[in-house]
């Protein structure tokens, strides 16, 4: 895939909200929201995907499983955070599918409704 994870997240959020961001349909959402608020949500989604994968990979490397967060792990991960984030970003830029991005978007929207 030629587009970055952030670019694909922005595109998928716009697709999700394009029909909603119309003054004829919604009294709250406008087209300007696609460029502003929705874009920020997309960037947050991309950052969360990267951070989640980085933390999961680090936990596996630290103790052999993806469970738990201890003070020792926190110190260990702080020293290696950027390396794990870069690896996760590189992987997601190349391998993340639209379905995975859509699933993250749906999870975010469900959290809005809680």
PDB file of N, CA and C in Angstrom:
ATOM      1  N   UNK A   1       0.846  -1.182   0.000  1.00  0.00           N
ATOM      2  CA  UNK A   1       0.000   0.000   0.000  1.00  0.00           C
ATOM      3  C   UNK A   1       0.885   1.238   0.000  1.00  0.00           C
ATOM      4  N   UNK A   2       0.534   2.177  -0.802  1.00  0.00           N
ATOM      5  CA  UNK A   2       1.380   3.342  -0.956  1.00  0.00           C
ATOM      6  C   UNK A   2       1.083   4.434   0.059  1.00  0.00           C
ATOM      7  N   UNK A   3      -0.104   4.446   0.606  1.00  0.00           N
ATOM      8  CA  UNK A   3      -0.454   5.503   1.554  1.00  0.00           C
ATOM      9  C   UNK A   3      -0.043   5.124   2.961  1.00  0.00           C
ATOM     10  N   UNK A   4       0.247   6.131   3.747  1.00  0.00           N
ATOM     11  CA  UNK A   4       0.620   5.894   5.137  1.00  0.00           C
ATOM     12  C   UNK A   4      -0.604   5.515   5.955  1.00  0.00           C
ATOM     13  N   UNK A   5      -0.344   4.987   7.145  1.00  0.00           N
ATOM     14  CA  UNK A   5      -1.431   4.625   8.047  1.00  0.00           C
ATOM     15  C   UNK A   5      -2.286   5.845   8.359  1.00  0.00           C
ATOM     16  N   UNK A   6      -1.663   6.977   8.632  1.00  0.00           N
ATOM     17  CA  UNK A   6      -2.424   8.186   8.956  1.00  0.00           C
ATOM     18  C   UNK A   6      -3.305   8.605   7.782  1.00  0.00           C
ATOM     19  N   UNK A   7      -2.762   8.564   6.583  1.00  0.00           N
ATOM     20  CA  UNK A   7      -3.547   8.925   5.399  1.00  0.00           C
ATOM     21  C   UNK A   7      -4.732   8.008   5.189  1.00  0.00           C
ATOM     22  N   UNK A   8      -4.524   6.712   5.404  1.00  0.00           N
ATOM     23  CA  UNK A   8      -5.624   5.759   5.244  1.00  0.00           C
ATOM     24  C   UNK A   8      -6.662   5.927   6.340  1.00  0.00           C
ATOM     25  N   UNK A   9      -6.220   6.227   7.569  1.00  0.00           N
ATOM     26  CA  UNK A   9      -7.183   6.467   8.656  1.00  0.00           C
ATOM     27  C   UNK A   9      -8.032   7.707   8.355  1.00  0.00           C
ATOM     28  N   UNK A  10      -7.391   8.762   7.871  1.00  0.00           N
ATOM     29  CA  UNK A  10      -8.142   9.971   7.520  1.00  0.00           C
ATOM     30  C   UNK A  10      -9.178   9.650   6.446  1.00  0.00           C
ATOM     31  N   UNK A  11      -8.770   8.905   5.444  1.00  0.00           N
ATOM     32  CA  UNK A  11      -9.690   8.552   4.358  1.00  0.00           C
ATOM     33  C   UNK A  11     -10.868   7.723   4.869  1.00  0.00           C
ATOM     34  N   UNK A  12     -10.599   6.737   5.714  1.00  0.00           N
ATOM     35  CA  UNK A  12     -11.660   5.874   6.213  1.00  0.00           C
ATOM     36  C   UNK A  12     -12.620   6.640   7.129  1.00  0.00           C
ATOM     37  N   UNK A  13     -12.109   7.567   7.955  1.00  0.00           N
ATOM     38  CA  UNK A  13     -12.993   8.396   8.795  1.00  0.00           C
ATOM     39  C   UNK A  13     -13.869   9.282   7.912  1.00  0.00           C
ATOM     40  N   UNK A  14     -13.275   9.852   6.848  1.00  0.00           N
ATOM     41  CA  UNK A  14     -14.067  10.692   5.950  1.00  0.00           C
ATOM     42  C   UNK A  14     -15.169   9.885   5.278  1.00  0.00           C
ATOM     43  N   UNK A  15     -14.847   8.678   4.858  1.00  0.00           N
ATOM     44  CA  UNK A  15     -15.862   7.818   4.242  1.00  0.00           C
ATOM     45  C   UNK A  15     -16.973   7.533   5.242  1.00  0.00           C
ATOM     46  N   UNK A  16     -16.598   7.264   6.492  1.00  0.00           N
ATOM     47  CA  UNK A  16     -17.584   6.953   7.535  1.00  0.00           C
ATOM     48  C   UNK A  16     -18.527   8.129   7.797  1.00  0.00           C
ATOM     49  N   UNK A  17     -17.991   9.355   7.751  1.00  0.00           N
ATOM     50  CA  UNK A  17     -18.779  10.523   8.142  1.00  0.00           C
ATOM     51  C   UNK A  17     -19.271  11.374   6.982  1.00  0.00           C
ATOM     52  N   UNK A  18     -18.896  11.049   5.746  1.00  0.00           N
ATOM     53  CA  UNK A  18     -19.284  11.885   4.607  1.00  0.00           C
ATOM     54  C   UNK A  18     -20.795  12.073   4.515  1.00  0.00           C
ATOM     55  N   UNK A  19     -21.542  11.020   4.710  1.00  0.00           N
ATOM     56  CA  UNK A  19     -22.998  11.137   4.591  1.00  0.00           C
ATOM     57  C   UNK A  19     -23.611  11.879   5.772  1.00  0.00           C
ATOM     58  N   UNK A  20     -22.925  11.901   6.894  1.00  0.00           N
ATOM     59  CA  UNK A  20     -23.444  12.571   8.093  1.00  0.00           C
ATOM     60  C   UNK A  20     -23.136  14.072   8.075  1.00  0.00           C
ATOM     61  N   UNK A  21     -21.987  14.428   7.526  1.00  0.00           N
ATOM     62  CA  UNK A  21     -21.548  15.822   7.545  1.00  0.00           C
ATOM     63  C   UNK A  21     -22.181  16.621   6.415  1.00  0.00           C
ATOM     64  N   UNK A  22     -23.469  16.759   6.490  1.00  0.00           N
ATOM     65  CA  UNK A  22     -24.238  17.493   5.498  1.00  0.00           C
ATOM     66  C   UNK A  22     -25.338  18.243   6.243  1.00  0.00           C
ATOM     67  N   UNK A  23     -25.425  19.530   6.012  1.00  0.00           N
ATOM     68  CA  UNK A  23     -26.406  20.346   6.731  1.00  0.00           C
ATOM     69  C   UNK A  23     -27.849  19.940   6.411  1.00  0.00           C
ATOM     70  N   UNK A  24     -28.056  19.257   5.300  1.00  0.00           N
ATOM     71  CA  UNK A  24     -29.404  18.795   4.960  1.00  0.00           C
ATOM     72  C   UNK A  24     -29.807  17.577   5.785  1.00  0.00           C
ATOM     73  N   UNK A  25     -28.822  16.878   6.328  1.00  0.00           N
ATOM     74  CA  UNK A  25     -29.084  15.656   7.082  1.00  0.00           C
ATOM     75  C   UNK A  25     -28.942  15.883   8.584  1.00  0.00           C
ATOM     76  N   UNK A  26     -27.924  16.624   8.981  1.00  0.00           N
ATOM     77  CA  UNK A  26     -27.621  16.772  10.398  1.00  0.00           C
ATOM     78  C   UNK A  26     -27.580  18.240  10.807  1.00  0.00           C
ATOM     79  N   UNK A  27     -28.235  18.569  11.897  1.00  0.00           N
ATOM     80  CA  UNK A  27     -28.152  19.955  12.375  1.00  0.00           C
ATOM     81  C   UNK A  27     -26.832  20.245  13.105  1.00  0.00           C
ATOM     82  N   UNK A  28     -26.033  19.207  13.388  1.00  0.00           N
ATOM     83  CA  UNK A  28     -24.792  19.401  14.145  1.00  0.00           C
ATOM     84  C   UNK A  28     -23.535  19.292  13.293  1.00  0.00           C
ATOM     85  N   UNK A  29     -23.466  18.310  12.390  1.00  0.00           N
ATOM     86  CA  UNK A  29     -22.258  18.066  11.621  1.00  0.00           C
ATOM     87  C   UNK A  29     -22.271  18.869  10.325  1.00  0.00           C
ATOM     88  N   UNK A  30     -21.144  19.426   9.971  1.00  0.00           N
ATOM     89  CA  UNK A  30     -20.972  20.198   8.725  1.00  0.00           C
ATOM     90  C   UNK A  30     -19.780  19.663   7.951  1.00  0.00           C
ATOM     91  N   UNK A  31     -19.647  20.054   6.691  1.00  0.00           N
ATOM     92  CA  UNK A  31     -18.515  19.624   5.871  1.00  0.00           C
ATOM     93  C   UNK A  31     -17.182  20.067   6.463  1.00  0.00           C
ATOM     94  N   UNK A  32     -17.176  21.196   7.129  1.00  0.00           N
ATOM     95  CA  UNK A  32     -15.920  21.670   7.730  1.00  0.00           C
ATOM     96  C   UNK A  32     -15.420  20.703   8.801  1.00  0.00           C
ATOM     97  N   UNK A  33     -16.328  19.928   9.380  1.00  0.00           N
ATOM     98  CA  UNK A  33     -15.937  18.956  10.399  1.00  0.00           C
ATOM     99  C   UNK A  33     -15.082  17.840   9.817  1.00  0.00           C
ATOM    100  N   UNK A  34     -15.262  17.545   8.511  1.00  0.00           N
ATOM    101  CA  UNK A  34     -14.413  16.542   7.866  1.00  0.00           C
ATOM    102  C   UNK A  34     -12.959  16.986   7.848  1.00  0.00           C
ATOM    103  N   UNK A  35     -12.724  18.272   7.685  1.00  0.00           N
ATOM    104  CA  UNK A  35     -11.358  18.797   7.640  1.00  0.00           C
ATOM    105  C   UNK A  35     -10.784  19.055   9.025  1.00  0.00           C
ATOM    106  N   UNK A  36     -11.630  19.251   9.990  1.00  0.00           N
ATOM    107  CA  UNK A  36     -11.166  19.602  11.325  1.00  0.00           C
ATOM    108  C   UNK A  36     -11.271  18.457  12.304  1.00  0.00           C
ATOM    109  N   UNK A  37     -12.420  18.343  12.907  1.00  0.00           N
ATOM    110  CA  UNK A  37     -12.627  17.391  13.989  1.00  0.00           C
ATOM    111  C   UNK A  37     -12.426  15.943  13.544  1.00  0.00           C
ATOM    112  N   UNK A  38     -12.992  15.571  12.414  1.00  0.00           N
ATOM    113  CA  UNK A  38     -12.896  14.188  11.940  1.00  0.00           C
ATOM    114  C   UNK A  38     -11.453  13.844  11.591  1.00  0.00           C
ATOM    115  N   UNK A  39     -10.713  14.792  11.038  1.00  0.00           N
ATOM    116  CA  UNK A  39      -9.294  14.559  10.743  1.00  0.00           C
ATOM    117  C   UNK A  39      -8.520  14.298  12.028  1.00  0.00           C
ATOM    118  N   UNK A  40      -8.799  15.055  13.065  1.00  0.00           N
ATOM    119  CA  UNK A  40      -8.127  14.851  14.354  1.00  0.00           C
ATOM    120  C   UNK A  40      -8.470  13.482  14.930  1.00  0.00           C
ATOM    121  N   UNK A  41      -9.703  13.059  14.789  1.00  0.00           N
ATOM    122  CA  UNK A  41     -10.098  11.731  15.255  1.00  0.00           C
ATOM    123  C   UNK A  41      -9.323  10.652  14.499  1.00  0.00           C
ATOM    124  N   UNK A  42      -9.147  10.850  13.209  1.00  0.00           N
ATOM    125  CA  UNK A  42      -8.417   9.883  12.395  1.00  0.00           C
ATOM    126  C   UNK A  42      -6.954   9.785  12.836  1.00  0.00           C
ATOM    127  N   UNK A  43      -6.337  10.922  13.110  1.00  0.00           N
ATOM    128  CA  UNK A  43      -4.947  10.907  13.558  1.00  0.00           C
ATOM    129  C   UNK A  43      -4.821  10.246  14.928  1.00  0.00           C
ATOM    130  N   UNK A  44      -5.809  10.460  15.775  1.00  0.00           N
ATOM    131  CA  UNK A  44      -5.816   9.801  17.084  1.00  0.00           C
ATOM    132  C   UNK A  44      -5.954   8.295  16.923  1.00  0.00           C
ATOM    133  N   UNK A  45      -6.806   7.853  16.012  1.00  0.00           N
ATOM    134  CA  UNK A  45      -6.978   6.427  15.748  1.00  0.00           C
ATOM    135  C   UNK A  45      -5.667   5.806  15.293  1.00  0.00           C
ATOM    136  N   UNK A  46      -4.980   6.463  14.363  1.00  0.00           N
ATOM    137  CA  UNK A  46      -3.698   5.948  13.875  1.00  0.00           C
ATOM    138  C   UNK A  46      -2.678   5.870  15.004  1.00  0.00           C
ATOM    139  N   UNK A  47      -2.589   6.913  15.819  1.00  0.00           N
ATOM    140  CA  UNK A  47      -1.637   6.911  16.933  1.00  0.00           C
ATOM    141  C   UNK A  47      -1.960   5.805  17.935  1.00  0.00           C
ATOM    142  N   UNK A  48      -3.237   5.587  18.193  1.00  0.00           N
ATOM    143  CA  UNK A  48      -3.643   4.529  19.127  1.00  0.00           C
ATOM    144  C   UNK A  48      -3.289   3.146  18.581  1.00  0.00           C
ATOM    145  N   UNK A  49      -3.471   2.951  17.282  1.00  0.00           N
ATOM    146  CA  UNK A  49      -3.112   1.670  16.680  1.00  0.00           C
ATOM    147  C   UNK A  49      -1.617   1.410  16.827  1.00  0.00           C
ATOM    148  N   UNK A  50      -0.809   2.430  16.574  1.00  0.00           N
ATOM    149  CA  UNK A  50       0.645   2.291  16.677  1.00  0.00           C
ATOM    150  C   UNK A  50       1.039   2.019  18.121  1.00  0.00           C
ATOM    151  N   UNK A  51       0.522   2.807  19.032  1.00  0.00           N
ATOM    152  CA  UNK A  51       0.896   2.659  20.444  1.00  0.00           C
ATOM    153  C   UNK A  51       0.470   1.297  20.985  1.00  0.00           C
ATOM    154  N   UNK A  52      -0.711   0.855  20.630  1.00  0.00           N
ATOM    155  CA  UNK A  52      -1.195  -0.439  21.100  1.00  0.00           C
ATOM    156  C   UNK A  52      -0.300  -1.575  20.607  1.00  0.00           C
ATOM    157  N   UNK A  53       0.043  -1.551  19.323  1.00  0.00           N
ATOM    158  CA  UNK A  53       0.907  -2.596  18.789  1.00  0.00           C
ATOM    159  C   UNK A  53       2.295  -2.532  19.418  1.00  0.00           C
ATOM    160  N   UNK A  54       2.830  -1.336  19.606  1.00  0.00           N
ATOM    161  CA  UNK A  54       4.150  -1.180  20.213  1.00  0.00           C
ATOM    162  C   UNK A  54       4.167  -1.738  21.633  1.00  0.00           C
ATOM    163  N   UNK A  55       3.152  -1.411  22.421  1.00  0.00           N
ATOM    164  CA  UNK A  55       3.077  -1.914  23.799  1.00  0.00           C
ATOM    165  C   UNK A  55       2.931  -3.427  23.835  1.00  0.00           C
ATOM    166  N   UNK A  56       2.079  -3.971  22.975  1.00  0.00           N
ATOM    167  CA  UNK A  56       1.896  -5.425  22.944  1.00  0.00           C
ATOM    168  C   UNK A  56       3.199  -6.136  22.581  1.00  0.00           C
ATOM    169  N   UNK A  57       3.898  -5.639  21.569  1.00  0.00           N
ATOM    170  CA  UNK A  57       5.166  -6.242  21.158  1.00  0.00           C
ATOM    171  C   UNK A  57       6.205  -6.141  22.268  1.00  0.00           C
ATOM    172  N   UNK A  58       6.241  -5.012  22.943  1.00  0.00           N
ATOM    173  CA  UNK A  58       7.206  -4.828  24.029  1.00  0.00           C
ATOM    174  C   UNK A  58       6.906  -5.767  25.192  1.00  0.00           C
ATOM    175  N   UNK A  59       5.632  -5.935  25.538  1.00  0.00           N
ATOM    176  CA  UNK A  59       5.287  -6.843  26.641  1.00  0.00           C
ATOM    177  C   UNK A  59       5.691  -8.279  26.317  1.00  0.00           C
ATOM    178  N   UNK A  60       5.506  -8.686  25.080  1.00  0.00           N
ATOM    179  CA  UNK A  60       5.911 -10.034  24.680  1.00  0.00           C
ATOM    180  C   UNK A  60       7.430 -10.165  24.791  1.00  0.00           C
ATOM    181  N   UNK A  61       8.170  -9.174  24.331  1.00  0.00           N
ATOM    182  CA  UNK A  61       9.633  -9.219  24.420  1.00  0.00           C
ATOM    183  C   UNK A  61      10.116  -9.170  25.868  1.00  0.00           C
ATOM    184  N   UNK A  62       9.405  -8.465  26.709  1.00  0.00           N
ATOM    185  CA  UNK A  62       9.825  -8.300  28.101  1.00  0.00           C
ATOM    186  C   UNK A  62       9.621  -9.567  28.914  1.00  0.00           C
ATOM    187  N   UNK A  63       8.452 -10.196  28.802  1.00  0.00           N
ATOM    188  CA  UNK A  63       8.180 -11.344  29.654  1.00  0.00           C
ATOM    189  C   UNK A  63       7.615 -12.552  28.925  1.00  0.00           C
ATOM    190  N   UNK A  64       7.540 -12.478  27.640  1.00  0.00           N
ATOM    191  CA  UNK A  64       7.068 -13.630  26.896  1.00  0.00           C
ATOM    192  C   UNK A  64       5.562 -13.736  26.767  1.00  0.00           C
ATOM    193  N   UNK A  65       4.830 -12.776  27.291  1.00  0.00           N
ATOM    194  CA  UNK A  65       3.378 -12.764  27.111  1.00  0.00           C
ATOM    195  C   UNK A  65       2.913 -11.319  27.029  1.00  0.00           C
ATOM    196  N   UNK A  66       1.696 -11.127  26.539  1.00  0.00           N
ATOM    197  CA  UNK A  66       1.180  -9.769  26.356  1.00  0.00           C
ATOM    198  C   UNK A  66       0.319  -9.321  27.531  1.00  0.00           C
ATOM    199  N   UNK A  67       0.445  -9.989  28.679  1.00  0.00           N
ATOM    200  CA  UNK A  67      -0.399  -9.669  29.829  1.00  0.00           C
ATOM    201  C   UNK A  67       0.365  -8.820  30.839  1.00  0.00           C
ATOM    202  N   UNK A  68      -0.338  -7.888  31.442  1.00  0.00           N
ATOM    203  CA  UNK A  68       0.196  -7.143  32.579  1.00  0.00           C
ATOM    204  C   UNK A  68       1.083  -5.963  32.245  1.00  0.00           C
ATOM    205  N   UNK A  69       1.093  -5.046  33.179  1.00  0.00           N
ATOM    206  CA  UNK A  69       1.916  -3.840  33.091  1.00  0.00           C
ATOM    207  C   UNK A  69       2.457  -3.604  34.496  1.00  0.00           C
ATOM    208  N   UNK A  70       3.748  -3.781  34.674  1.00  0.00           N
ATOM    209  CA  UNK A  70       4.342  -3.660  35.993  1.00  0.00           C
ATOM    210  C   UNK A  70       5.259  -2.437  36.030  1.00  0.00           C
ATOM    211  N   UNK A  71       5.661  -2.006  37.227  1.00  0.00           N
ATOM    212  CA  UNK A  71       6.616  -0.896  37.316  1.00  0.00           C
ATOM    213  C   UNK A  71       7.932  -1.220  36.600  1.00  0.00           C
ATOM    214  N   UNK A  72       8.362  -2.473  36.690  1.00  0.00           N
ATOM    215  CA  UNK A  72       9.606  -2.873  36.015  1.00  0.00           C
ATOM    216  C   UNK A  72       9.455  -2.766  34.497  1.00  0.00           C
ATOM    217  N   UNK A  73       8.306  -3.230  34.008  1.00  0.00           N
ATOM    218  CA  UNK A  73       8.061  -3.135  32.569  1.00  0.00           C
ATOM    219  C   UNK A  73       7.987  -1.679  32.131  1.00  0.00           C
ATOM    220  N   UNK A  74       7.369  -0.845  32.931  1.00  0.00           N
ATOM    221  CA  UNK A  74       7.242   0.571  32.593  1.00  0.00           C
ATOM    222  C   UNK A  74       8.609   1.217  32.396  1.00  0.00           C
ATOM    223  N   UNK A  75       9.517   0.961  33.309  1.00  0.00           N
ATOM    224  CA  UNK A  75      10.875   1.511  33.203  1.00  0.00           C
ATOM    225  C   UNK A  75      11.564   0.954  31.970  1.00  0.00           C
ATOM    226  N   UNK A  76      11.439  -0.352  31.768  1.00  0.00           N
ATOM    227  CA  UNK A  76      12.077  -1.006  30.629  1.00  0.00           C
ATOM    228  C   UNK A  76      11.522  -0.458  29.305  1.00  0.00           C
ATOM    229  N   UNK A  77      10.194  -0.291  29.243  1.00  0.00           N
ATOM    230  CA  UNK A  77       9.556   0.180  28.014  1.00  0.00           C
ATOM    231  C   UNK A  77       9.876   1.645  27.731  1.00  0.00           C
ATOM    232  N   UNK A  78       9.962   2.467  28.763  1.00  0.00           N
ATOM    233  CA  UNK A  78      10.305   3.887  28.566  1.00  0.00           C
ATOM    234  C   UNK A  78      11.625   4.046  27.841  1.00  0.00           C
ATOM    235  N   UNK A  79      12.572   3.165  28.123  1.00  0.00           N
ATOM    236  CA  UNK A  79      13.892   3.234  27.481  1.00  0.00           C
ATOM    237  C   UNK A  79      13.847   2.790  26.025  1.00  0.00           C
ATOM    238  N   UNK A  80      12.837   2.027  25.650  1.00  0.00           N
ATOM    239  CA  UNK A  80      12.771   1.436  24.305  1.00  0.00           C
ATOM    240  C   UNK A  80      11.543   1.861  23.507  1.00  0.00           C
ATOM    241  N   UNK A  81      10.779   2.783  24.044  1.00  0.00           N
ATOM    242  CA  UNK A  81       9.498   3.170  23.446  1.00  0.00           C
ATOM    243  C   UNK A  81       9.618   3.573  21.980  1.00  0.00           C
ATOM    244  N   UNK A  82      10.535   4.436  21.644  1.00  0.00           N
ATOM    245  CA  UNK A  82      10.637   4.940  20.272  1.00  0.00           C
ATOM    246  C   UNK A  82      10.954   3.839  19.272  1.00  0.00           C
ATOM    247  N   UNK A  83      11.808   2.900  19.663  1.00  0.00           N
ATOM    248  CA  UNK A  83      12.136   1.797  18.765  1.00  0.00           C
ATOM    249  C   UNK A  83      10.886   0.958  18.475  1.00  0.00           C
ATOM    250  N   UNK A  84      10.125   0.628  19.521  1.00  0.00           N
ATOM    251  CA  UNK A  84       8.907  -0.164  19.332  1.00  0.00           C
ATOM    252  C   UNK A  84       7.853   0.608  18.548  1.00  0.00           C
ATOM    253  N   UNK A  85       7.731   1.904  18.786  1.00  0.00           N
ATOM    254  CA  UNK A  85       6.771   2.712  18.028  1.00  0.00           C
ATOM    255  C   UNK A  85       7.150   2.757  16.552  1.00  0.00           C
ATOM    256  N   UNK A  86       8.433   2.917  16.265  1.00  0.00           N
ATOM    257  CA  UNK A  86       8.881   2.967  14.870  1.00  0.00           C
ATOM    258  C   UNK A  86       8.612   1.634  14.169  1.00  0.00           C
ATOM    259  N   UNK A  87       8.924   0.527  14.846  1.00  0.00           N
ATOM    260  CA  UNK A  87       8.663  -0.785  14.254  1.00  0.00           C
ATOM    261  C   UNK A  87       7.168  -0.987  13.998  1.00  0.00           C
ATOM    262  N   UNK A  88       6.339  -0.596  14.962  1.00  0.00           N
ATOM    263  CA  UNK A  88       4.887  -0.741  14.801  1.00  0.00           C
ATOM    264  C   UNK A  88       4.378   0.135  13.656  1.00  0.00           C
ATOM    265  N   UNK A  89       4.851   1.376  13.579  1.00  0.00           N
ATOM    266  CA  UNK A  89       4.423   2.276  12.504  1.00  0.00           C
ATOM    267  C   UNK A  89       4.835   1.731  11.144  1.00  0.00           C
ATOM    268  N   UNK A  90       6.067   1.260  11.034  1.00  0.00           N
ATOM    269  CA  UNK A  90       6.523   0.694   9.764  1.00  0.00           C
ATOM    270  C   UNK A  90       5.666  -0.499   9.356  1.00  0.00           C
ATOM    271  N   UNK A  91       5.370  -1.366  10.320  1.00  0.00           N
ATOM    272  CA  UNK A  91       4.547  -2.542  10.027  1.00  0.00           C
ATOM    273  C   UNK A  91       3.139  -2.125   9.613  1.00  0.00           C
ATOM    274  N   UNK A  92       2.515  -1.237  10.374  1.00  0.00           N
ATOM    275  CA  UNK A  92       1.139  -0.832  10.071  1.00  0.00           C
ATOM    276  C   UNK A  92       1.045  -0.040   8.772  1.00  0.00           C
ATOM    277  N   UNK A  93       2.069   0.760   8.450  1.00  0.00           N
ATOM    278  CA  UNK A  93       2.071   1.466   7.163  1.00  0.00           C
ATOM    279  C   UNK A  93       2.020   0.471   6.013  1.00  0.00           C
ATOM    280  N   UNK A  94       2.688  -0.663   6.178  1.00  0.00           N
ATOM    281  CA  UNK A  94       2.760  -1.643   5.104  1.00  0.00           C
ATOM    282  C   UNK A  94       1.631  -2.669   5.151  1.00  0.00           C
ATOM    283  N   UNK A  95       1.171  -3.027   6.334  1.00  0.00           N
ATOM    284  CA  UNK A  95       0.313  -4.197   6.460  1.00  0.00           C
ATOM    285  C   UNK A  95      -1.114  -3.950   6.937  1.00  0.00           C
ATOM    286  N   UNK A  96      -1.419  -2.806   7.512  1.00  0.00           N
ATOM    287  CA  UNK A  96      -2.775  -2.582   8.036  1.00  0.00           C
ATOM    288  C   UNK A  96      -3.781  -2.560   6.888  1.00  0.00           C
ATOM    289  N   UNK A  97      -4.878  -3.273   7.085  1.00  0.00           N
ATOM    290  CA  UNK A  97      -5.911  -3.335   6.056  1.00  0.00           C
ATOM    291  C   UNK A  97      -7.029  -2.341   6.367  1.00  0.00           C
ATOM    292  N   UNK A  98      -7.828  -2.061   5.375  1.00  0.00           N
ATOM    293  CA  UNK A  98      -8.985  -1.176   5.580  1.00  0.00           C
ATOM    294  C   UNK A  98      -9.948  -1.768   6.594  1.00  0.00           C
ATOM    295  N   UNK A  99     -10.068  -3.088   6.616  1.00  0.00           N
ATOM    296  CA  UNK A  99     -10.953  -3.733   7.585  1.00  0.00           C
ATOM    297  C   UNK A  99     -10.467  -3.505   9.013  1.00  0.00           C
ATOM    298  N   UNK A 100      -9.164  -3.600   9.230  1.00  0.00           N
ATOM    299  CA  UNK A 100      -8.608  -3.350  10.563  1.00  0.00           C
ATOM    300  C   UNK A 100      -8.818  -1.899  10.978  1.00  0.00           C
ATOM    301  N   UNK A 101      -8.628  -0.988  10.047  1.00  0.00           N
ATOM    302  CA  UNK A 101      -8.843   0.431  10.338  1.00  0.00           C
ATOM    303  C   UNK A 101     -10.313   0.683  10.630  1.00  0.00           C
ATOM    304  N   UNK A 102     -11.197   0.096   9.826  1.00  0.00           N
ATOM    305  CA  UNK A 102     -12.641   0.244  10.062  1.00  0.00           C
ATOM    306  C   UNK A 102     -13.038  -0.305  11.430  1.00  0.00           C
ATOM    307  N   UNK A 103     -12.433  -1.415  11.835  1.00  0.00           N
ATOM    308  CA  UNK A 103     -12.729  -1.982  13.152  1.00  0.00           C
ATOM    309  C   UNK A 103     -12.304  -1.021  14.267  1.00  0.00           C
ATOM    310  N   UNK A 104     -11.141  -0.398  14.117  1.00  0.00           N
ATOM    311  CA  UNK A 104     -10.691   0.584  15.108  1.00  0.00           C
ATOM    312  C   UNK A 104     -11.634   1.784  15.155  1.00  0.00           C
ATOM    313  N   UNK A 105     -12.097   2.213  13.995  1.00  0.00           N
ATOM    314  CA  UNK A 105     -13.034   3.336  13.936  1.00  0.00           C
ATOM    315  C   UNK A 105     -14.337   2.966  14.652  1.00  0.00           C
ATOM    316  N   UNK A 106     -14.835   1.770  14.398  1.00  0.00           N
ATOM    317  CA  UNK A 106     -16.070   1.340  15.055  1.00  0.00           C
ATOM    318  C   UNK A 106     -15.883   1.251  16.567  1.00  0.00           C
ATOM    319  N   UNK A 107     -14.721   0.788  17.010  1.00  0.00           N
ATOM    320  CA  UNK A 107     -14.438   0.754  18.450  1.00  0.00           C
ATOM    321  C   UNK A 107     -14.441   2.156  19.037  1.00  0.00           C
ATOM    322  N   UNK A 108     -13.879   3.094  18.305  1.00  0.00           N
ATOM    323  CA  UNK A 108     -13.848   4.488  18.766  1.00  0.00           C
ATOM    324  C   UNK A 108     -15.271   5.057  18.837  1.00  0.00           C
ATOM    325  N   UNK A 109     -16.065   4.784  17.816  1.00  0.00           N
ATOM    326  CA  UNK A 109     -17.444   5.281  17.810  1.00  0.00           C
ATOM    327  C   UNK A 109     -18.273   4.659  18.936  1.00  0.00           C
ATOM    328  N   UNK A 110     -18.037   3.392  19.218  1.00  0.00           N
ATOM    329  CA  UNK A 110     -18.730   2.758  20.348  1.00  0.00           C
ATOM    330  C   UNK A 110     -18.343   3.423  21.664  1.00  0.00           C
ATOM    331  N   UNK A 111     -17.073   3.800  21.781  1.00  0.00           N
ATOM    332  CA  UNK A 111     -16.621   4.477  22.992  1.00  0.00           C
ATOM    333  C   UNK A 111     -17.290   5.859  23.111  1.00  0.00           C
ATOM    334  N   UNK A 112     -17.570   6.505  21.989  1.00  0.00           N
ATOM    335  CA  UNK A 112     -18.272   7.796  22.022  1.00  0.00           C
ATOM    336  C   UNK A 112     -19.660   7.622  22.625  1.00  0.00           C
ATOM    337  N   UNK A 113     -20.280   6.486  22.349  1.00  0.00           N
ATOM    338  CA  UNK A 113     -21.654   6.245  22.777  1.00  0.00           C
ATOM    339  C   UNK A 113     -21.754   5.749  24.220  1.00  0.00           C
ATOM    340  N   UNK A 114     -20.648   5.418  24.838  1.00  0.00           N
ATOM    341  CA  UNK A 114     -20.676   4.945  26.236  1.00  0.00           C
ATOM    342  C   UNK A 114     -20.876   6.074  27.212  1.00  0.00           C
TER     343      UNK A 114
END
